[in-house]
Amino acid sequence: MARDANPSPTSLLASLIFGSRWLQVPLYLGLIIAQAVYVFLFLKELAHLVLHATSFGEQQIMLIVLGLIDVVMISNLLVMVIVGGYETFVSRLKLDGHPDQPEWLDHVNASVLKIKLAMAIIGISSIHLLKTFIEAGNLGSDGAKLTEAGVMWQTIIHIVFILSAVGIAYVDRLGREIPAEQH
């Protein structure tokens, strides 16, 4: 297809706007660096657990393991944002037929990505809340890391995350039903 020798100002503007999506690439590269930091944190905490396994009590081991799970869930969230966001907003990754292509990438779009992110945030919040509940036995004692108000606010924030995810899923469902009803 031949290109116009004198493109109109409107087509130049459209090209500039469409091309601006590539400005997100440094953001995704930054998230990859952040993920490398999380790998380092995970390995550091894992080494701490292994080296002190015989001197830690069950509760302390459980809290460290929950911290490791938390790091993995945050890393999974980063992968979803990096891969799904790049595929949705920047350019296709052209992974068709690749044996390691994530199953969810076949049907990723902004709506699916929002719901997956909301669910990942709820999972991460659940781990934090579980750690809080385990440590809540120390409330009121000297050296307690938590206060009753802190536990209450963490619980309220977690509930807000859940309600937000339900709201996002509901609005998404409404958006899919409206076009079907208009036919």
Protein backbone atom coordinates (compact mmCIF):
# COMPACT_ATOMS: atom_id res chain seq x y z
CA MET A 1 0.00 0.00 0.00
CA ALA A 2 1.45 3.37 -1.03
CA ARG A 3 1.83 6.09 1.57
CA ASP A 4 0.51 9.58 1.04
CA ALA A 5 3.34 11.94 0.02
CA ASN A 6 1.73 14.76 2.00
CA PRO A 7 0.07 13.30 5.06
CA SER A 8 -2.59 15.52 6.61
CA PRO A 9 -2.06 17.13 10.01
CA THR A 10 -4.82 14.89 11.34
CA SER A 11 -3.07 11.70 10.21
CA LEU A 12 0.23 12.96 11.67
CA LEU A 13 -1.51 13.64 14.97
CA ALA A 14 -3.14 10.21 14.89
CA SER A 15 0.26 8.59 14.23
CA LEU A 16 1.82 10.53 17.11
CA ILE A 17 -0.98 9.59 19.50
CA PHE A 18 -0.86 5.92 18.48
CA GLY A 19 2.94 5.86 18.66
CA SER A 20 2.90 7.34 22.17
CA ARG A 21 2.08 3.87 23.51
CA TRP A 22 5.81 3.09 23.17
CA LEU A 23 6.47 5.54 26.00
CA GLN A 24 5.23 2.79 28.33
CA VAL A 25 8.17 0.50 27.47
CA PRO A 26 10.54 2.09 30.04
CA LEU A 27 7.81 1.63 32.66
CA TYR A 28 7.59 -2.09 31.92
CA LEU A 29 11.41 -2.35 31.96
CA GLY A 30 11.35 -0.66 35.37
CA LEU A 31 8.86 -3.24 36.61
CA ILE A 32 11.20 -5.99 35.40
CA ILE A 33 13.96 -4.42 37.52
CA ALA A 34 11.53 -4.26 40.47
CA GLN A 35 10.85 -7.96 39.97
CA ALA A 36 14.59 -8.66 40.12
CA VAL A 37 14.64 -6.82 43.47
CA TYR A 38 11.84 -9.10 44.69
CA VAL A 39 13.83 -12.17 43.60
CA PHE A 40 16.76 -10.87 45.66
CA LEU A 41 14.44 -10.24 48.65
CA PHE A 42 12.97 -13.75 48.32
CA LEU A 43 16.42 -15.39 48.24
CA LYS A 44 17.57 -13.30 51.22
CA GLU A 45 14.50 -14.28 53.29
CA LEU A 46 14.78 -17.92 52.22
CA ALA A 47 18.44 -18.01 53.30
CA HIS A 48 17.45 -16.39 56.62
CA LEU A 49 14.81 -19.10 57.13
CA VAL A 50 17.14 -21.99 56.26
CA LEU A 51 20.05 -20.70 58.34
CA HIS A 52 17.89 -20.15 61.44
CA ALA A 53 15.32 -22.96 61.02
CA THR A 54 16.51 -24.78 64.14
CA SER A 55 16.31 -21.70 66.37
CA PHE A 56 12.97 -20.31 65.14
CA GLY A 57 9.66 -21.27 66.68
CA GLU A 58 6.73 -22.50 64.60
CA GLN A 59 5.02 -19.10 64.59
CA GLN A 60 8.17 -17.33 63.41
CA ILE A 61 8.70 -19.91 60.64
CA MET A 62 5.08 -19.52 59.59
CA LEU A 63 5.43 -15.73 59.41
CA ILE A 64 8.58 -15.99 57.29
CA VAL A 65 6.93 -18.53 54.96
CA LEU A 66 3.90 -16.23 54.62
CA GLY A 67 6.34 -13.44 53.76
CA LEU A 68 7.86 -15.67 51.05
CA ILE A 69 4.39 -16.42 49.68
CA ASP A 70 3.67 -12.69 49.72
CA VAL A 71 6.79 -12.00 47.65
CA VAL A 72 5.77 -14.70 45.14
CA MET A 73 2.26 -13.25 44.84
CA ILE A 74 3.63 -9.74 44.28
CA SER A 75 5.98 -11.18 41.66
CA ASN A 76 3.01 -12.87 39.96
CA LEU A 77 1.22 -9.53 40.00
CA LEU A 78 4.25 -7.92 38.35
CA VAL A 79 4.26 -10.59 35.62
CA MET A 80 0.57 -9.98 34.94
CA VAL A 81 1.11 -6.23 34.69
CA ILE A 82 4.27 -6.50 32.59
CA VAL A 83 3.14 -9.18 30.14
CA GLY A 84 -0.58 -8.37 30.09
CA GLY A 85 -0.06 -4.61 30.03
CA TYR A 86 2.51 -4.73 27.25
CA GLU A 87 0.33 -7.10 25.20
CA THR A 88 -2.79 -4.98 25.78
CA PHE A 89 -1.45 -1.45 25.53
CA VAL A 90 1.82 -1.50 23.58
CA SER A 91 2.30 -4.35 21.12
CA ARG A 92 1.59 -8.03 20.57
CA LEU A 93 4.24 -10.35 21.98
CA LYS A 94 3.68 -12.87 19.13
CA LEU A 95 3.91 -15.90 21.40
CA ASP A 96 1.40 -18.04 19.48
CA GLY A 97 2.49 -21.65 19.68
CA HIS A 98 5.19 -20.96 22.28
CA PRO A 99 5.09 -23.80 24.85
CA ASP A 100 5.50 -21.37 27.76
CA GLN A 101 2.80 -18.90 26.73
CA PRO A 102 0.56 -18.24 29.74
CA GLU A 103 -2.96 -19.58 29.19
CA TRP A 104 -4.58 -16.32 30.29
CA LEU A 105 -2.67 -14.32 27.67
CA ASP A 106 -4.90 -15.67 24.88
CA HIS A 107 -7.87 -13.70 26.12
CA VAL A 108 -6.24 -10.76 27.90
CA ASN A 109 -7.72 -7.31 27.50
CA ALA A 110 -7.94 -4.29 29.77
CA SER A 111 -11.06 -5.62 31.49
CA VAL A 112 -9.63 -9.10 32.15
CA LEU A 113 -6.38 -7.53 33.33
CA LYS A 114 -8.24 -5.31 35.83
CA ILE A 115 -10.09 -8.28 37.32
CA LYS A 116 -6.91 -10.39 37.51
CA LEU A 117 -5.06 -7.53 39.19
CA ALA A 118 -7.90 -7.01 41.67
CA MET A 119 -7.85 -10.71 42.55
CA ALA A 120 -4.06 -10.65 42.96
CA ILE A 121 -4.30 -7.62 45.26
CA ILE A 122 -6.92 -9.42 47.35
CA GLY A 123 -4.59 -12.44 47.57
CA ILE A 124 -1.69 -10.26 48.70
CA SER A 125 -3.92 -8.44 51.19
CA SER A 126 -5.13 -11.82 52.51
CA ILE A 127 -1.55 -12.90 53.22
CA HIS A 128 -0.87 -9.62 55.06
CA LEU A 129 -4.08 -10.00 57.05
CA LEU A 130 -3.25 -13.61 57.95
CA LYS A 131 0.18 -12.48 59.19
CA THR A 132 -1.58 -9.76 61.22
CA PHE A 133 -4.01 -12.25 62.74
CA ILE A 134 -1.14 -14.58 63.69
CA GLU A 135 0.68 -11.69 65.37
CA ALA A 136 -2.54 -10.41 66.99
CA GLY A 137 -1.99 -12.79 69.90
CA ASN A 138 0.68 -10.34 71.09
CA LEU A 139 -1.71 -7.36 71.22
CA GLY A 140 -1.32 -5.39 74.43
CA SER A 141 2.00 -6.98 75.38
CA ASP A 142 5.30 -5.14 75.54
CA GLY A 143 6.99 -5.04 72.13
CA ALA A 144 3.77 -5.75 70.22
CA LYS A 145 4.10 -4.63 66.60
CA LEU A 146 0.36 -4.12 66.21
CA THR A 147 -2.42 -2.16 67.81
CA GLU A 148 -6.10 -3.02 67.88
CA ALA A 149 -6.76 -0.03 65.64
CA GLY A 150 -4.11 -1.25 63.20
CA VAL A 151 -5.74 -4.69 62.98
CA MET A 152 -9.16 -3.09 62.50
CA TRP A 153 -7.91 -0.80 59.70
CA GLN A 154 -6.14 -3.66 57.92
CA THR A 155 -9.38 -5.67 58.04
CA ILE A 156 -11.43 -2.72 56.76
CA ILE A 157 -8.96 -2.10 53.92
CA HIS A 158 -9.08 -5.79 52.97
CA ILE A 159 -12.89 -5.67 52.87
CA VAL A 160 -12.70 -2.56 50.67
CA PHE A 161 -10.37 -4.45 48.28
CA ILE A 162 -12.90 -7.29 48.09
CA LEU A 163 -15.82 -4.92 47.49
CA SER A 164 -13.80 -3.10 44.83
CA ALA A 165 -13.06 -6.37 43.02
CA VAL A 166 -16.73 -7.35 43.16
CA GLY A 167 -17.64 -3.91 41.78
CA ILE A 168 -15.10 -4.19 38.95
CA ALA A 169 -16.37 -7.66 38.04
CA TYR A 170 -20.00 -6.48 38.16
CA VAL A 171 -19.34 -3.45 35.93
CA ASP A 172 -17.41 -5.68 33.53
CA ARG A 173 -20.32 -8.12 33.39
CA LEU A 174 -22.76 -5.27 32.76
CA GLY A 175 -20.54 -4.03 29.94
CA ARG A 176 -20.61 -7.43 28.28
CA GLU A 177 -24.41 -7.85 28.65
CA ILE A 178 -25.42 -4.43 27.27
CA PRO A 179 -24.18 -4.99 23.69
CA ALA A 180 -25.89 -8.41 23.60
CA GLU A 181 -29.22 -6.86 24.63
CA GLN A 182 -28.99 -4.11 21.99
CA HIS A 183 -29.17 -6.59 19.10
